[in-house]
C-alpha atoms as a PDB file:
ATOM      1  CA  MET A   1     -23.745  -7.482  -2.320  1.00  0.00           C
ATOM      2  CA  LYS A   2     -22.500  -7.380   1.322  1.00  0.00           C
ATOM      3  CA  GLY A   3     -24.786  -5.439   3.742  1.00  0.00           C
ATOM      4  CA  SER A   4     -21.147  -3.293   4.291  1.00  0.00           C
ATOM      5  CA  ASP A   5     -20.134  -3.130   0.648  1.00  0.00           C
ATOM      6  CA  ILE A   6     -20.161   0.421  -1.047  1.00  0.00           C
ATOM      7  CA  MET A   7     -21.191   1.084  -4.257  1.00  0.00           C
ATOM      8  CA  GLU A   8     -20.466   4.104  -6.355  1.00  0.00           C
ATOM      9  CA  LEU A   9     -21.543   4.699  -9.775  1.00  0.00           C
ATOM     10  CA  ALA A  10     -19.177   6.704 -12.355  1.00  0.00           C
ATOM     11  CA  LYS A  11     -19.495   7.808 -15.643  1.00  0.00           C
ATOM     12  CA  VAL A  12     -16.819   6.894 -18.727  1.00  0.00           C
ATOM     13  CA  THR A  13     -16.684  10.043 -20.609  1.00  0.00           C
ATOM     14  CA  THR A  14     -15.229  10.137 -25.004  1.00  0.00           C
ATOM     15  CA  LYS A  15     -11.734   9.533 -23.069  1.00  0.00           C
ATOM     16  CA  GLY A  16     -11.885   6.966 -21.599  1.00  0.00           C
ATOM     17  CA  GLN A  17     -11.486   8.655 -17.971  1.00  0.00           C
ATOM     18  CA  ILE A  18     -14.110   8.263 -14.574  1.00  0.00           C
ATOM     19  CA  THR A  19     -13.685  10.645 -12.350  1.00  0.00           C
ATOM     20  CA  ILE A  20     -13.626   8.648  -8.861  1.00  0.00           C
ATOM     21  CA  PRO A  21     -16.122   9.084  -5.974  1.00  0.00           C
ATOM     22  CA  LYS A  22     -15.131  10.638  -3.393  1.00  0.00           C
ATOM     23  CA  SER A  23     -15.856   8.397  -0.787  1.00  0.00           C
ATOM     24  CA  ILE A  24     -13.946   5.460  -2.962  1.00  0.00           C
ATOM     25  CA  ARG A  25     -10.734   8.170  -3.495  1.00  0.00           C
ATOM     26  CA  GLU A  26     -11.029   8.206   0.403  1.00  0.00           C
ATOM     27  CA  MET A  27     -10.731   4.571   1.186  1.00  0.00           C
ATOM     28  CA  LEU A  28      -7.506   4.076  -0.898  1.00  0.00           C
ATOM     29  CA  ASP A  29      -6.593   7.914   0.695  1.00  0.00           C
ATOM     30  CA  LEU A  30      -5.656   8.742  -3.148  1.00  0.00           C
ATOM     31  CA  LYS A  31      -4.682  12.340  -3.362  1.00  0.00           C
ATOM     32  CA  GLU A  32      -3.994  14.942  -5.929  1.00  0.00           C
ATOM     33  CA  GLY A  33      -1.287  12.742  -8.416  1.00  0.00           C
ATOM     34  CA  SER A  34      -2.110   9.598  -6.727  1.00  0.00           C
ATOM     35  CA  LYS A  35      -1.223   6.466  -9.259  1.00  0.00           C
ATOM     36  CA  ILE A  36      -3.556   4.178  -9.128  1.00  0.00           C
ATOM     37  CA  ILE A  37      -3.382  -0.467  -9.996  1.00  0.00           C
ATOM     38  CA  PHE A  38      -6.280  -2.173 -12.513  1.00  0.00           C
ATOM     39  CA  MET A  39      -5.969  -5.083 -11.401  1.00  0.00           C
ATOM     40  CA  GLN A  40      -8.093  -8.492 -12.933  1.00  0.00           C
ATOM     41  CA  LYS A  41      -9.397 -10.940 -10.122  1.00  0.00           C
ATOM     42  CA  GLY A  42     -11.347 -13.684 -12.040  1.00  0.00           C
ATOM     43  CA  LYS A  43     -14.492 -11.953 -13.240  1.00  0.00           C
ATOM     44  CA  ASP A  44     -14.241  -8.972 -11.503  1.00  0.00           C
ATOM     45  CA  ILE A  45     -11.512  -5.010 -11.418  1.00  0.00           C
ATOM     46  CA  VAL A  46     -10.253  -4.453  -8.436  1.00  0.00           C
ATOM     47  CA  ILE A  47      -8.417  -0.479  -8.478  1.00  0.00           C
ATOM     48  CA  GLN A  48      -6.028  -0.294  -5.112  1.00  0.00           C
ATOM     49  CA  ASN A  49      -4.099   3.190  -4.326  1.00  0.00           C
ATOM     50  CA  SER A  50      -0.378   1.479  -5.992  1.00  0.00           C
ATOM     51  CA  ALA A  51       1.113   3.405  -3.232  1.00  0.00           C
ATOM     52  CA  MET A  52      -0.811   0.770  -0.582  1.00  0.00           C
ATOM     53  CA  LEU A  53       0.327  -2.456  -2.851  1.00  0.00           C
ATOM     54  CA  ALA A  54       3.984  -1.190  -3.396  1.00  0.00           C
ATOM     55  CA  LEU A  55       4.224  -1.036   1.510  1.00  0.00           C
ATOM     56  CA  GLU A  56       1.900  -4.789   1.701  1.00  0.00           C
ATOM     57  CA  LYS A  57       4.535  -6.556  -0.700  1.00  0.00           C
ATOM     58  CA  ILE A  58       7.552  -4.960   1.289  1.00  0.00           C
ATOM     59  CA  GLN A  59       6.019  -6.426   4.361  1.00  0.00           C
ATOM     60  CA  ASP A  60       5.367  -9.199   2.471  1.00  0.00           C
ATOM     61  CA  ALA A  61       8.534  -9.958   1.732  1.00  0.00           C
ATOM     62  CA  PHE A  62       9.658  -9.251   5.270  1.00  0.00           C
ATOM     63  CA  GLU A  63       7.601 -11.766   7.028  1.00  0.00           C
ATOM     64  CA  GLY A  64       9.582 -13.051  10.199  1.00  0.00           C
ATOM     65  CA  GLU A  65      12.860 -11.389   8.928  1.00  0.00           C
ATOM     66  CA  ALA A  66      12.338  -9.253  12.928  1.00  0.00           C
ATOM     67  CA  GLU A  67      12.511 -12.800  14.308  1.00  0.00           C
ATOM     68  CA  ARG A  68      15.257 -13.969  12.214  1.00  0.00           C
ATOM     69  CA  LEU A  69      16.994 -10.413  13.546  1.00  0.00           C
ATOM     70  CA  GLY A  70      15.427 -11.159  16.958  1.00  0.00           C
ATOM     71  CA  LEU A  71      14.574  -7.978  16.910  1.00  0.00           C
ATOM     72  CA  GLU A  72      11.253  -8.170  19.298  1.00  0.00           C
ATOM     73  CA  THR A  73      10.218  -4.194  20.122  1.00  0.00           C
ATOM     74  CA  GLU A  74      10.875  -0.701  18.125  1.00  0.00           C
ATOM     75  CA  GLU A  75      14.473   0.239  20.944  1.00  0.00           C
ATOM     76  CA  ASP A  76      15.858  -3.383  19.000  1.00  0.00           C
ATOM     77  CA  VAL A  77      14.451  -1.612  16.014  1.00  0.00           C
ATOM     78  CA  ILE A  78      16.384   1.387  16.112  1.00  0.00           C
ATOM     79  CA  GLU A  79      19.820   0.379  18.225  1.00  0.00           C
ATOM     80  CA  MET A  80      20.385  -2.404  14.680  1.00  0.00           C
ATOM     81  CA  ILE A  81      19.823   0.897  13.160  1.00  0.00           C
ATOM     82  CA  LYS A  82      22.491   2.632  15.241  1.00  0.00           C
ATOM     83  CA  GLU A  83      24.511  -0.196  14.973  1.00  0.00           C
ATOM     84  CA  PHE A  84      24.373   0.011  10.876  1.00  0.00           C
ATOM     85  CA  ARG A  85      25.069   3.618  10.907  1.00  0.00           C
ATOM     86  CA  LYS A  86      28.402   3.581  13.019  1.00  0.00           C
ATOM     87  CA  LYS A  87      29.204   0.318  10.827  1.00  0.00           C
ATOM     88  CA  ARG A  88      28.787   2.744   7.573  1.00  0.00           C
ATOM     89  CA  LYS A  89      30.303   5.902   8.872  1.00  0.00           C
ATOM     90  CA  LYS A  90      33.432   4.051   8.906  1.00  0.00           C
ATOM     91  CA  GLU A  91      33.993   2.255   5.749  1.00  0.00           C
END
């Protein structure tokens, strides 16, 4: 383990349930009702907040789109949205 790695211990109940330690819940930004994903990576199991994973996938999917559309600033994005809404109202 590296110096920055965190290790926590959790006990499995007879129903297969665990309590995720507070430090891990905070790190993953988990709230009541949050969903988590268990992923196997080699011999390791990785736990991730499913909402954050979905956001990462969306970001990956849109990578390079701002350049392709000529969007350089936040104002460019706002203007594009305004134009889209105008066109949509006309339809």
